[in-house]
Amino acid sequence: MRLNEFLGIKYPIIQGGMANIATGAFAAAVSNAGGLGLIASGGMNANQLREEIINCRKLTDKTFGVNLMLMNPDAENIANMLAEEKVDVITTGAGSPEKYVDMWKKSGSKVIPVVSSVALAKKMEKIGVDAVIAEGGESGGHVGEMTTMTLVPMVVDALSIPVIAAGGIADGRQLVAALSLGAIGVQVGTCLLVSEECPIHDNYKQAVIKAKDNGTAVTGRSAGAPVRIIKNQLSREYLKLEAEGTSRDELEQFTLGSLRRAVFDGDTKMGSLMAGQVCGMLNEIKPVAVILDELYNGAKEELRKLAEEAL
């Protein structure tokens, strides 16, 4: 069974839950284009997130979901609100959703945590989730250490529930690779940053387009919170501070508000331009529908070529 069948959508593609970016309107645009749109809870409380859910429902009659970062200060209230709203799909990160899973499933939601290791994936299966998203360190934003190519097949082999691949996926070749590793579909984020509908500042979009193959860096490893961003003045200064042994609290203060500066103000020097390594493959702004269509049909074409050139 492919992800599109599992979720009742057109394409086997989920949009990543990008904080301060994945609004109700953006999620609706992705769902209307055939993927699974996600509203990101990052930076919101329960009331604000409920408004985004209501807005999304005004803009689409398709399936959509919400991503809950469990380190959100209002996570408890958000979790209860998601059950009240009977959201189609709930993805989670930055913690274990164990105490919420039964409540969410009773409300009719599919629960799909993001995992970065086999051990965590096994724990999620044990607590009764519906599937997991195995995300490799090629992705943008908060990352783990394992690559998608190594993580996904290990998680697939360890679990009996469906696995969705994430990290380093922006075209049909990578979608085919994910499926060949045993995933039922993919989650993408960076390639959607350069969509017409994505609500980030145009400076941010242009920075993604200009980035080369080695255009990202991982900051925050010394603080135990690695984050992949596009290289800029912020990343250089942050890495210098890390090398000097700056404390975690000081590093947090240094980057306070930096994502919002990137998203809303278009600050490409001292803003946190979260993006994955695939930014080096992206070179133009397109409608979401075109991006998803090219991903899916590109995969079909790759499969056709592989069949012709079978070993």
C-alpha atoms as a PDB file:
ATOM      1  CA  MET A   1       0.000   0.000   0.000  1.00  0.00           C
ATOM      2  CA  ARG A   2       1.319   3.421  -0.992  1.00  0.00           C
ATOM      3  CA  LEU A   3       1.032   6.549   1.138  1.00  0.00           C
ATOM      4  CA  ASN A   4      -1.644   8.073  -1.108  1.00  0.00           C
ATOM      5  CA  GLU A   5      -3.863   5.038  -0.482  1.00  0.00           C
ATOM      6  CA  PHE A   6      -3.025   5.058   3.239  1.00  0.00           C
ATOM      7  CA  LEU A   7      -4.111   8.692   3.609  1.00  0.00           C
ATOM      8  CA  GLY A   8      -6.679   9.024   0.822  1.00  0.00           C
ATOM      9  CA  ILE A   9      -4.735  11.625  -1.172  1.00  0.00           C
ATOM     10  CA  LYS A  10      -3.580  11.904  -4.800  1.00  0.00           C
ATOM     11  CA  TYR A  11       0.206  11.685  -4.404  1.00  0.00           C
ATOM     12  CA  PRO A  12       2.347   9.702  -1.911  1.00  0.00           C
ATOM     13  CA  ILE A  13       3.780  12.964  -0.608  1.00  0.00           C
ATOM     14  CA  ILE A  14       3.511  14.777   2.737  1.00  0.00           C
ATOM     15  CA  GLN A  15       4.512  18.417   3.193  1.00  0.00           C
ATOM     16  CA  GLY A  16       6.891  18.900   6.109  1.00  0.00           C
ATOM     17  CA  GLY A  17       5.695  20.733   9.230  1.00  0.00           C
ATOM     18  CA  MET A  18       7.892  23.816   8.969  1.00  0.00           C
ATOM     19  CA  ALA A  19       7.547  26.184  11.937  1.00  0.00           C
ATOM     20  CA  ASN A  20       6.446  29.755  11.113  1.00  0.00           C
ATOM     21  CA  ILE A  21       6.000  28.660   7.498  1.00  0.00           C
ATOM     22  CA  ALA A  22       3.382  25.907   7.349  1.00  0.00           C
ATOM     23  CA  THR A  23       0.214  27.940   7.902  1.00  0.00           C
ATOM     24  CA  GLY A  24      -3.354  26.793   7.396  1.00  0.00           C
ATOM     25  CA  ALA A  25      -3.412  28.490   4.005  1.00  0.00           C
ATOM     26  CA  PHE A  26      -0.194  26.809   2.886  1.00  0.00           C
ATOM     27  CA  ALA A  27      -1.358  23.395   4.112  1.00  0.00           C
ATOM     28  CA  ALA A  28      -4.606  23.871   2.179  1.00  0.00           C
ATOM     29  CA  ALA A  29      -2.657  24.739  -0.980  1.00  0.00           C
ATOM     30  CA  VAL A  30      -0.612  21.541  -0.680  1.00  0.00           C
ATOM     31  CA  SER A  31      -3.673  19.392   0.003  1.00  0.00           C
ATOM     32  CA  ASN A  32      -5.547  20.956  -2.906  1.00  0.00           C
ATOM     33  CA  ALA A  33      -2.554  20.141  -5.108  1.00  0.00           C
ATOM     34  CA  GLY A  34      -2.743  16.455  -4.181  1.00  0.00           C
ATOM     35  CA  GLY A  35      -0.319  16.087  -1.283  1.00  0.00           C
ATOM     36  CA  LEU A  36      -0.936  16.038   2.451  1.00  0.00           C
ATOM     37  CA  GLY A  37      -0.645  19.590   3.758  1.00  0.00           C
ATOM     38  CA  LEU A  38       0.501  20.027   7.354  1.00  0.00           C
ATOM     39  CA  ILE A  39      -0.001  22.989   9.667  1.00  0.00           C
ATOM     40  CA  ALA A  40       3.034  23.505  11.912  1.00  0.00           C
ATOM     41  CA  SER A  41       2.435  24.230  15.591  1.00  0.00           C
ATOM     42  CA  GLY A  42       5.851  25.816  16.138  1.00  0.00           C
ATOM     43  CA  GLY A  43       5.489  29.315  17.581  1.00  0.00           C
ATOM     44  CA  MET A  44       1.748  28.890  18.236  1.00  0.00           C
ATOM     45  CA  ASN A  45      -0.450  28.196  21.233  1.00  0.00           C
ATOM     46  CA  ALA A  46      -3.597  26.051  21.105  1.00  0.00           C
ATOM     47  CA  ASN A  47      -5.939  28.927  20.283  1.00  0.00           C
ATOM     48  CA  GLN A  48      -3.761  30.230  17.466  1.00  0.00           C
ATOM     49  CA  LEU A  49      -3.381  26.754  16.014  1.00  0.00           C
ATOM     50  CA  ARG A  50      -7.143  26.155  16.172  1.00  0.00           C
ATOM     51  CA  GLU A  51      -7.649  29.306  14.076  1.00  0.00           C
ATOM     52  CA  GLU A  52      -5.230  27.954  11.473  1.00  0.00           C
ATOM     53  CA  ILE A  53      -7.134  24.645  11.390  1.00  0.00           C
ATOM     54  CA  ILE A  54     -10.430  26.490  10.931  1.00  0.00           C
ATOM     55  CA  ASN A  55      -8.908  28.569   8.137  1.00  0.00           C
ATOM     56  CA  CYS A  56      -7.502  25.477   6.431  1.00  0.00           C
ATOM     57  CA  ARG A  57     -10.936  23.849   6.446  1.00  0.00           C
ATOM     58  CA  LYS A  58     -12.364  26.938   4.753  1.00  0.00           C
ATOM     59  CA  LEU A  59      -9.788  26.624   1.974  1.00  0.00           C
ATOM     60  CA  THR A  60      -9.849  22.875   1.309  1.00  0.00           C
ATOM     61  CA  ASP A  61     -12.138  19.880   1.607  1.00  0.00           C
ATOM     62  CA  LYS A  62      -9.153  17.558   1.224  1.00  0.00           C
ATOM     63  CA  THR A  63      -7.262  15.613   3.900  1.00  0.00           C
ATOM     64  CA  PHE A  64      -4.725  17.655   5.894  1.00  0.00           C
ATOM     65  CA  GLY A  65      -2.820  17.343   9.140  1.00  0.00           C
ATOM     66  CA  VAL A  66      -1.012  19.129  11.945  1.00  0.00           C
ATOM     67  CA  ASN A  67       2.578  18.774  13.108  1.00  0.00           C
ATOM     68  CA  LEU A  68       3.020  19.071  16.885  1.00  0.00           C
ATOM     69  CA  MET A  69       6.505  19.816  18.182  1.00  0.00           C
ATOM     70  CA  LEU A  70       6.185  18.295  21.630  1.00  0.00           C
ATOM     71  CA  MET A  71       8.616  20.790  23.157  1.00  0.00           C
ATOM     72  CA  ASN A  72       6.035  23.513  22.469  1.00  0.00           C
ATOM     73  CA  PRO A  73       5.229  25.162  25.842  1.00  0.00           C
ATOM     74  CA  ASP A  74       1.503  24.708  25.125  1.00  0.00           C
ATOM     75  CA  ALA A  75       1.811  21.097  23.922  1.00  0.00           C
ATOM     76  CA  GLU A  76      -0.702  19.702  26.437  1.00  0.00           C
ATOM     77  CA  ASN A  77      -3.431  22.139  25.417  1.00  0.00           C
ATOM     78  CA  ILE A  78      -2.609  21.683  21.735  1.00  0.00           C
ATOM     79  CA  ALA A  79      -2.840  17.904  22.057  1.00  0.00           C
ATOM     80  CA  ASN A  80      -6.300  18.130  23.621  1.00  0.00           C
ATOM     81  CA  MET A  81      -7.448  20.653  21.032  1.00  0.00           C
ATOM     82  CA  LEU A  82      -6.324  18.383  18.166  1.00  0.00           C
ATOM     83  CA  ALA A  83      -8.520  15.614  19.565  1.00  0.00           C
ATOM     84  CA  GLU A  84     -11.459  18.029  19.809  1.00  0.00           C
ATOM     85  CA  GLU A  85     -10.936  19.160  16.210  1.00  0.00           C
ATOM     86  CA  LYS A  86     -10.598  15.552  14.980  1.00  0.00           C
ATOM     87  CA  VAL A  87      -7.650  16.402  12.745  1.00  0.00           C
ATOM     88  CA  ASP A  88      -7.085  13.845   9.964  1.00  0.00           C
ATOM     89  CA  VAL A  89      -3.366  13.294  10.573  1.00  0.00           C
ATOM     90  CA  ILE A  90      -1.072  14.292  13.444  1.00  0.00           C
ATOM     91  CA  THR A  91       2.698  14.160  13.010  1.00  0.00           C
ATOM     92  CA  THR A  92       4.992  14.793  15.960  1.00  0.00           C
ATOM     93  CA  GLY A  93       8.599  15.632  16.714  1.00  0.00           C
ATOM     94  CA  ALA A  94      10.926  16.620  19.567  1.00  0.00           C
ATOM     95  CA  GLY A  95       9.637  14.098  22.073  1.00  0.00           C
ATOM     96  CA  SER A  96       7.347  11.134  22.563  1.00  0.00           C
ATOM     97  CA  PRO A  97       3.587  11.457  21.939  1.00  0.00           C
ATOM     98  CA  GLU A  98       2.886   8.359  24.057  1.00  0.00           C
ATOM     99  CA  LYS A  99       0.419   9.936  26.474  1.00  0.00           C
ATOM    100  CA  TYR A 100      -1.662  11.388  23.621  1.00  0.00           C
ATOM    101  CA  VAL A 101      -1.764   8.506  21.129  1.00  0.00           C
ATOM    102  CA  ASP A 102      -4.883   6.739  22.464  1.00  0.00           C
ATOM    103  CA  MET A 103      -6.812  10.007  22.711  1.00  0.00           C
ATOM    104  CA  TRP A 104      -5.895  11.030  19.176  1.00  0.00           C
ATOM    105  CA  LYS A 105      -6.689   7.637  17.672  1.00  0.00           C
ATOM    106  CA  LYS A 106     -10.061   7.550  19.436  1.00  0.00           C
ATOM    107  CA  SER A 107     -10.847  10.913  17.799  1.00  0.00           C
ATOM    108  CA  GLY A 108     -10.134   9.360  14.395  1.00  0.00           C
ATOM    109  CA  SER A 109      -6.665  10.781  13.723  1.00  0.00           C
ATOM    110  CA  LYS A 110      -3.761   8.899  12.185  1.00  0.00           C
ATOM    111  CA  VAL A 111      -0.653   9.423  14.356  1.00  0.00           C
ATOM    112  CA  ILE A 112       2.695   9.542  12.551  1.00  0.00           C
ATOM    113  CA  PRO A 113       5.784  10.592  14.566  1.00  0.00           C
ATOM    114  CA  VAL A 114       9.053  11.710  12.979  1.00  0.00           C
ATOM    115  CA  VAL A 115      11.960   9.465  14.026  1.00  0.00           C
ATOM    116  CA  SER A 116      15.711   9.695  13.535  1.00  0.00           C
ATOM    117  CA  SER A 117      16.773   6.266  14.839  1.00  0.00           C
ATOM    118  CA  VAL A 118      15.682   2.630  14.827  1.00  0.00           C
ATOM    119  CA  ALA A 119      15.366   2.604  18.633  1.00  0.00           C
ATOM    120  CA  LEU A 120      12.926   5.513  18.605  1.00  0.00           C
ATOM    121  CA  ALA A 121      10.981   3.980  15.703  1.00  0.00           C
ATOM    122  CA  LYS A 122      10.552   0.726  17.655  1.00  0.00           C
ATOM    123  CA  LYS A 123       9.325   2.657  20.682  1.00  0.00           C
ATOM    124  CA  MET A 124       6.773   4.499  18.538  1.00  0.00           C
ATOM    125  CA  GLU A 125       5.455   1.241  17.088  1.00  0.00           C
ATOM    126  CA  LYS A 126       5.133  -0.174  20.605  1.00  0.00           C
ATOM    127  CA  ILE A 127       2.940   2.726  21.765  1.00  0.00           C
ATOM    128  CA  GLY A 128       0.541   2.147  18.862  1.00  0.00           C
ATOM    129  CA  VAL A 129       1.211   4.821  16.234  1.00  0.00           C
ATOM    130  CA  ASP A 130      -0.052   4.272  12.689  1.00  0.00           C
ATOM    131  CA  ALA A 131       3.223   4.895  10.832  1.00  0.00           C
ATOM    132  CA  VAL A 132       6.536   6.712  11.253  1.00  0.00           C
ATOM    133  CA  ILE A 133       8.449   9.265   9.219  1.00  0.00           C
ATOM    134  CA  ALA A 134      12.123   8.253   9.107  1.00  0.00           C
ATOM    135  CA  GLU A 135      13.986  11.500   8.538  1.00  0.00           C
ATOM    136  CA  GLY A 136      17.642  11.588   7.537  1.00  0.00           C
ATOM    137  CA  GLY A 137      20.108  14.332   8.414  1.00  0.00           C
ATOM    138  CA  GLU A 138      20.022  15.756   4.876  1.00  0.00           C
ATOM    139  CA  SER A 139      16.806  17.545   5.801  1.00  0.00           C
ATOM    140  CA  GLY A 140      16.473  21.177   6.810  1.00  0.00           C
ATOM    141  CA  GLY A 141      15.814  22.398  10.338  1.00  0.00           C
ATOM    142  CA  HIS A 142      16.279  20.045  13.293  1.00  0.00           C
ATOM    143  CA  VAL A 143      18.228  16.986  12.154  1.00  0.00           C
ATOM    144  CA  GLY A 144      19.570  13.652  13.348  1.00  0.00           C
ATOM    145  CA  GLU A 145      22.903  12.072  12.469  1.00  0.00           C
ATOM    146  CA  MET A 146      21.873   9.186  10.182  1.00  0.00           C
ATOM    147  CA  THR A 147      21.346   9.655   6.461  1.00  0.00           C
ATOM    148  CA  THR A 148      18.087   8.812   4.726  1.00  0.00           C
ATOM    149  CA  MET A 149      19.783   6.092   2.662  1.00  0.00           C
ATOM    150  CA  THR A 150      20.884   4.232   5.800  1.00  0.00           C
ATOM    151  CA  LEU A 151      18.045   5.077   8.201  1.00  0.00           C
ATOM    152  CA  VAL A 152      15.004   4.214   6.081  1.00  0.00           C
ATOM    153  CA  PRO A 153      15.830   0.565   5.247  1.00  0.00           C
ATOM    154  CA  MET A 154      16.863  -0.106   8.842  1.00  0.00           C
ATOM    155  CA  VAL A 155      13.571   1.277  10.142  1.00  0.00           C
ATOM    156  CA  VAL A 156      11.610  -0.604   7.475  1.00  0.00           C
ATOM    157  CA  ASP A 157      13.285  -3.866   8.488  1.00  0.00           C
ATOM    158  CA  ALA A 158      12.675  -3.239  12.194  1.00  0.00           C
ATOM    159  CA  LEU A 159       8.954  -2.362  12.030  1.00  0.00           C
ATOM    160  CA  SER A 160       5.707  -3.908  10.849  1.00  0.00           C
ATOM    161  CA  ILE A 161       3.928  -0.539  10.422  1.00  0.00           C
ATOM    162  CA  PRO A 162       4.365   1.734   7.367  1.00  0.00           C
ATOM    163  CA  VAL A 163       7.457   3.927   7.027  1.00  0.00           C
ATOM    164  CA  ILE A 164       7.601   7.282   5.224  1.00  0.00           C
ATOM    165  CA  ALA A 165      10.984   8.612   4.093  1.00  0.00           C
ATOM    166  CA  ALA A 166      12.157  12.208   4.608  1.00  0.00           C
ATOM    167  CA  GLY A 167      15.360  14.122   4.066  1.00  0.00           C
ATOM    168  CA  GLY A 168      17.081  14.792   0.752  1.00  0.00           C
ATOM    169  CA  ILE A 169      14.044  14.350  -1.501  1.00  0.00           C
ATOM    170  CA  ALA A 170      13.251  16.897  -4.200  1.00  0.00           C
ATOM    171  CA  ASP A 171      12.741  15.057  -7.480  1.00  0.00           C
ATOM    172  CA  GLY A 172      11.445  11.835  -9.004  1.00  0.00           C
ATOM    173  CA  ARG A 173      14.752   9.989  -8.727  1.00  0.00           C
ATOM    174  CA  GLN A 174      14.812  10.494  -4.982  1.00  0.00           C
ATOM    175  CA  LEU A 175      11.154   9.481  -4.638  1.00  0.00           C
ATOM    176  CA  VAL A 176      11.926   6.224  -6.461  1.00  0.00           C
ATOM    177  CA  ALA A 177      14.954   5.683  -4.227  1.00  0.00           C
ATOM    178  CA  ALA A 178      12.792   6.139  -1.118  1.00  0.00           C
ATOM    179  CA  LEU A 179      10.245   3.618  -2.400  1.00  0.00           C
ATOM    180  CA  SER A 180      13.000   1.147  -3.252  1.00  0.00           C
ATOM    181  CA  LEU A 181      14.248   1.404   0.336  1.00  0.00           C
ATOM    182  CA  GLY A 182      10.844   0.198   1.512  1.00  0.00           C
ATOM    183  CA  ALA A 183       9.078   3.480   2.283  1.00  0.00           C
ATOM    184  CA  ILE A 184       5.419   3.845   1.268  1.00  0.00           C
ATOM    185  CA  GLY A 185       5.918   7.515   0.392  1.00  0.00           C
ATOM    186  CA  VAL A 186       7.874  10.627   1.257  1.00  0.00           C
ATOM    187  CA  GLN A 187       7.791  13.841   3.237  1.00  0.00           C
ATOM    188  CA  VAL A 188       9.314  16.910   1.561  1.00  0.00           C
ATOM    189  CA  GLY A 189       9.972  20.420   2.773  1.00  0.00           C
ATOM    190  CA  THR A 190      12.854  22.257   1.130  1.00  0.00           C
ATOM    191  CA  CYS A 191      11.528  21.879  -2.412  1.00  0.00           C
ATOM    192  CA  LEU A 192       8.250  23.479  -1.273  1.00  0.00           C
ATOM    193  CA  LEU A 193      10.034  26.545   0.097  1.00  0.00           C
ATOM    194  CA  VAL A 194      10.372  27.727  -3.490  1.00  0.00           C
ATOM    195  CA  SER A 195       6.683  27.303  -4.300  1.00  0.00           C
ATOM    196  CA  GLU A 196       4.585  30.325  -5.229  1.00  0.00           C
ATOM    197  CA  GLU A 197       2.227  29.613  -2.328  1.00  0.00           C
ATOM    198  CA  CYS A 198       4.897  29.293   0.361  1.00  0.00           C
ATOM    199  CA  PRO A 199       4.481  32.318   2.679  1.00  0.00           C
ATOM    200  CA  ILE A 200       8.178  32.996   3.325  1.00  0.00           C
ATOM    201  CA  HIS A 201       9.837  36.257   2.265  1.00  0.00           C
ATOM    202  CA  ASP A 202      11.073  36.319  -1.335  1.00  0.00           C
ATOM    203  CA  ASN A 203      14.632  36.911  -0.072  1.00  0.00           C
ATOM    204  CA  TYR A 204      14.441  33.516   1.653  1.00  0.00           C
ATOM    205  CA  LYS A 205      13.235  31.845  -1.552  1.00  0.00           C
ATOM    206  CA  GLN A 206      16.035  33.449  -3.553  1.00  0.00           C
ATOM    207  CA  ALA A 207      18.602  32.286  -0.972  1.00  0.00           C
ATOM    208  CA  VAL A 208      17.370  28.707  -1.422  1.00  0.00           C
ATOM    209  CA  ILE A 209      17.613  29.030  -5.207  1.00  0.00           C
ATOM    210  CA  LYS A 210      21.133  30.524  -5.038  1.00  0.00           C
ATOM    211  CA  ALA A 211      22.454  27.861  -2.646  1.00  0.00           C
ATOM    212  CA  LYS A 212      24.893  25.326  -4.114  1.00  0.00           C
ATOM    213  CA  ASP A 213      25.496  21.661  -3.334  1.00  0.00           C
ATOM    214  CA  ASN A 214      27.518  22.533  -0.221  1.00  0.00           C
ATOM    215  CA  GLY A 215      25.351  25.509   0.653  1.00  0.00           C
ATOM    216  CA  THR A 216      24.142  24.350   4.075  1.00  0.00           C
ATOM    217  CA  ALA A 217      25.730  23.919   7.494  1.00  0.00           C
ATOM    218  CA  VAL A 218      24.628  22.205  10.697  1.00  0.00           C
ATOM    219  CA  THR A 219      24.677  24.452  13.745  1.00  0.00           C
ATOM    220  CA  GLY A 220      23.943  23.521  17.345  1.00  0.00           C
ATOM    221  CA  ARG A 221      25.667  20.150  17.602  1.00  0.00           C
ATOM    222  CA  SER A 222      27.557  21.229  20.721  1.00  0.00           C
ATOM    223  CA  ALA A 223      24.264  22.220  22.347  1.00  0.00           C
ATOM    224  CA  GLY A 224      22.610  18.902  21.486  1.00  0.00           C
ATOM    225  CA  ALA A 225      20.183  20.603  19.095  1.00  0.00           C
ATOM    226  CA  PRO A 226      21.592  20.316  15.553  1.00  0.00           C
ATOM    227  CA  VAL A 227      19.863  22.471  12.941  1.00  0.00           C
ATOM    228  CA  ARG A 228      20.643  22.583   9.206  1.00  0.00           C
ATOM    229  CA  ILE A 229      20.500  26.051   7.661  1.00  0.00           C
ATOM    230  CA  ILE A 230      21.811  27.812   4.563  1.00  0.00           C
ATOM    231  CA  LYS A 231      25.312  29.163   5.116  1.00  0.00           C
ATOM    232  CA  ASN A 232      25.330  32.887   5.909  1.00  0.00           C
ATOM    233  CA  GLN A 233      26.727  35.320   8.448  1.00  0.00           C
ATOM    234  CA  LEU A 234      24.583  33.798  11.207  1.00  0.00           C
ATOM    235  CA  SER A 235      25.862  30.272  10.576  1.00  0.00           C
ATOM    236  CA  ARG A 236      29.506  31.402  10.422  1.00  0.00           C
ATOM    237  CA  GLU A 237      29.275  33.377  13.657  1.00  0.00           C
ATOM    238  CA  TYR A 238      27.337  30.591  15.387  1.00  0.00           C
ATOM    239  CA  LEU A 239      29.879  27.918  14.411  1.00  0.00           C
ATOM    240  CA  LYS A 240      32.690  30.189  15.607  1.00  0.00           C
ATOM    241  CA  LEU A 241      30.967  30.593  18.973  1.00  0.00           C
ATOM    242  CA  GLU A 242      30.491  26.817  19.198  1.00  0.00           C
ATOM    243  CA  ALA A 243      34.182  26.245  18.503  1.00  0.00           C
ATOM    244  CA  GLU A 244      35.025  28.666  21.310  1.00  0.00           C
ATOM    245  CA  GLY A 245      32.925  26.659  23.773  1.00  0.00           C
ATOM    246  CA  THR A 246      30.068  29.134  24.181  1.00  0.00           C
ATOM    247  CA  SER A 247      27.349  27.858  26.534  1.00  0.00           C
ATOM    248  CA  ARG A 248      24.026  26.504  25.300  1.00  0.00           C
ATOM    249  CA  ASP A 249      22.114  29.387  26.922  1.00  0.00           C
ATOM    250  CA  GLU A 250      24.300  31.958  25.179  1.00  0.00           C
ATOM    251  CA  LEU A 251      23.921  30.184  21.855  1.00  0.00           C
ATOM    252  CA  GLU A 252      20.134  30.153  22.258  1.00  0.00           C
ATOM    253  CA  GLN A 253      20.166  33.877  22.951  1.00  0.00           C
ATOM    254  CA  PHE A 254      22.320  34.461  19.880  1.00  0.00           C
ATOM    255  CA  THR A 255      19.745  32.819  17.581  1.00  0.00           C
ATOM    256  CA  LEU A 256      16.606  34.027  19.367  1.00  0.00           C
ATOM    257  CA  GLY A 257      14.059  35.150  16.768  1.00  0.00           C
ATOM    258  CA  SER A 258      16.365  34.283  13.851  1.00  0.00           C
ATOM    259  CA  LEU A 259      13.855  32.039  12.059  1.00  0.00           C
ATOM    260  CA  ARG A 260      11.184  34.717  12.191  1.00  0.00           C
ATOM    261  CA  ARG A 261      13.704  37.253  10.842  1.00  0.00           C
ATOM    262  CA  ALA A 262      14.294  34.966   7.866  1.00  0.00           C
ATOM    263  CA  VAL A 263      10.647  34.069   7.224  1.00  0.00           C
ATOM    264  CA  PHE A 264       8.971  37.439   7.743  1.00  0.00           C
ATOM    265  CA  ASP A 265      11.706  40.057   7.322  1.00  0.00           C
ATOM    266  CA  GLY A 266      13.763  38.359   4.635  1.00  0.00           C
ATOM    267  CA  ASP A 267      16.978  38.789   6.627  1.00  0.00           C
ATOM    268  CA  THR A 268      19.400  36.547   4.742  1.00  0.00           C
ATOM    269  CA  LYS A 269      22.434  37.603   6.789  1.00  0.00           C
ATOM    270  CA  MET A 270      21.346  37.037  10.395  1.00  0.00           C
ATOM    271  CA  GLY A 271      18.165  35.054   9.762  1.00  0.00           C
ATOM    272  CA  SER A 272      17.983  31.276  10.223  1.00  0.00           C
ATOM    273  CA  LEU A 273      17.368  30.078   6.656  1.00  0.00           C
ATOM    274  CA  MET A 274      16.383  26.485   7.420  1.00  0.00           C
ATOM    275  CA  ALA A 275      16.785  24.287   4.345  1.00  0.00           C
ATOM    276  CA  GLY A 276      17.978  20.814   3.436  1.00  0.00           C
ATOM    277  CA  GLN A 277      20.902  19.757   1.266  1.00  0.00           C
ATOM    278  CA  VAL A 278      18.638  19.449  -1.787  1.00  0.00           C
ATOM    279  CA  CYS A 279      18.556  23.260  -2.011  1.00  0.00           C
ATOM    280  CA  GLY A 280      21.411  22.871  -4.498  1.00  0.00           C
ATOM    281  CA  MET A 281      18.939  21.189  -6.886  1.00  0.00           C
ATOM    282  CA  LEU A 282      16.356  23.971  -6.835  1.00  0.00           C
ATOM    283  CA  ASN A 283      16.548  26.794  -9.334  1.00  0.00           C
ATOM    284  CA  GLU A 284      13.116  28.357  -9.847  1.00  0.00           C
ATOM    285  CA  ILE A 285       9.863  29.271  -8.135  1.00  0.00           C
ATOM    286  CA  LYS A 286       6.860  27.181  -9.236  1.00  0.00           C
ATOM    287  CA  PRO A 287       3.276  26.548  -8.113  1.00  0.00           C
ATOM    288  CA  VAL A 288       2.889  23.796  -5.491  1.00  0.00           C
ATOM    289  CA  ALA A 289       0.799  21.776  -7.950  1.00  0.00           C
ATOM    290  CA  VAL A 290       3.627  21.800 -10.491  1.00  0.00           C
ATOM    291  CA  ILE A 291       6.244  20.762  -7.907  1.00  0.00           C
ATOM    292  CA  LEU A 292       4.176  17.805  -6.711  1.00  0.00           C
ATOM    293  CA  ASP A 293       3.222  16.772 -10.230  1.00  0.00           C
ATOM    294  CA  GLU A 294       6.857  16.840 -11.359  1.00  0.00           C
ATOM    295  CA  LEU A 295       7.909  14.815  -8.325  1.00  0.00           C
ATOM    296  CA  TYR A 296       5.310  12.129  -8.954  1.00  0.00           C
ATOM    297  CA  ASN A 297       5.522  11.944 -12.726  1.00  0.00           C
ATOM    298  CA  GLY A 298       9.302  12.207 -12.576  1.00  0.00           C
ATOM    299  CA  ALA A 299       9.260   9.097 -10.393  1.00  0.00           C
ATOM    300  CA  LYS A 300       7.033   7.264 -12.854  1.00  0.00           C
ATOM    301  CA  GLU A 301       9.419   8.130 -15.679  1.00  0.00           C
ATOM    302  CA  GLU A 302      12.418   6.918 -13.665  1.00  0.00           C
ATOM    303  CA  LEU A 303      10.638   3.648 -12.957  1.00  0.00           C
ATOM    304  CA  ARG A 304       9.908   3.235 -16.656  1.00  0.00           C
ATOM    305  CA  LYS A 305      13.584   3.763 -17.533  1.00  0.00           C
ATOM    306  CA  LEU A 306      14.696   1.363 -14.839  1.00  0.00           C
ATOM    307  CA  ALA A 307      12.332  -1.300 -16.154  1.00  0.00           C
ATOM    308  CA  GLU A 308      13.818  -0.912 -19.635  1.00  0.00           C
ATOM    309  CA  GLU A 309      17.354  -1.140 -18.277  1.00  0.00           C
ATOM    310  CA  ALA A 310      16.707  -3.944 -15.812  1.00  0.00           C
ATOM    311  CA  LEU A 311      19.749  -5.908 -14.683  1.00  0.00           C
END
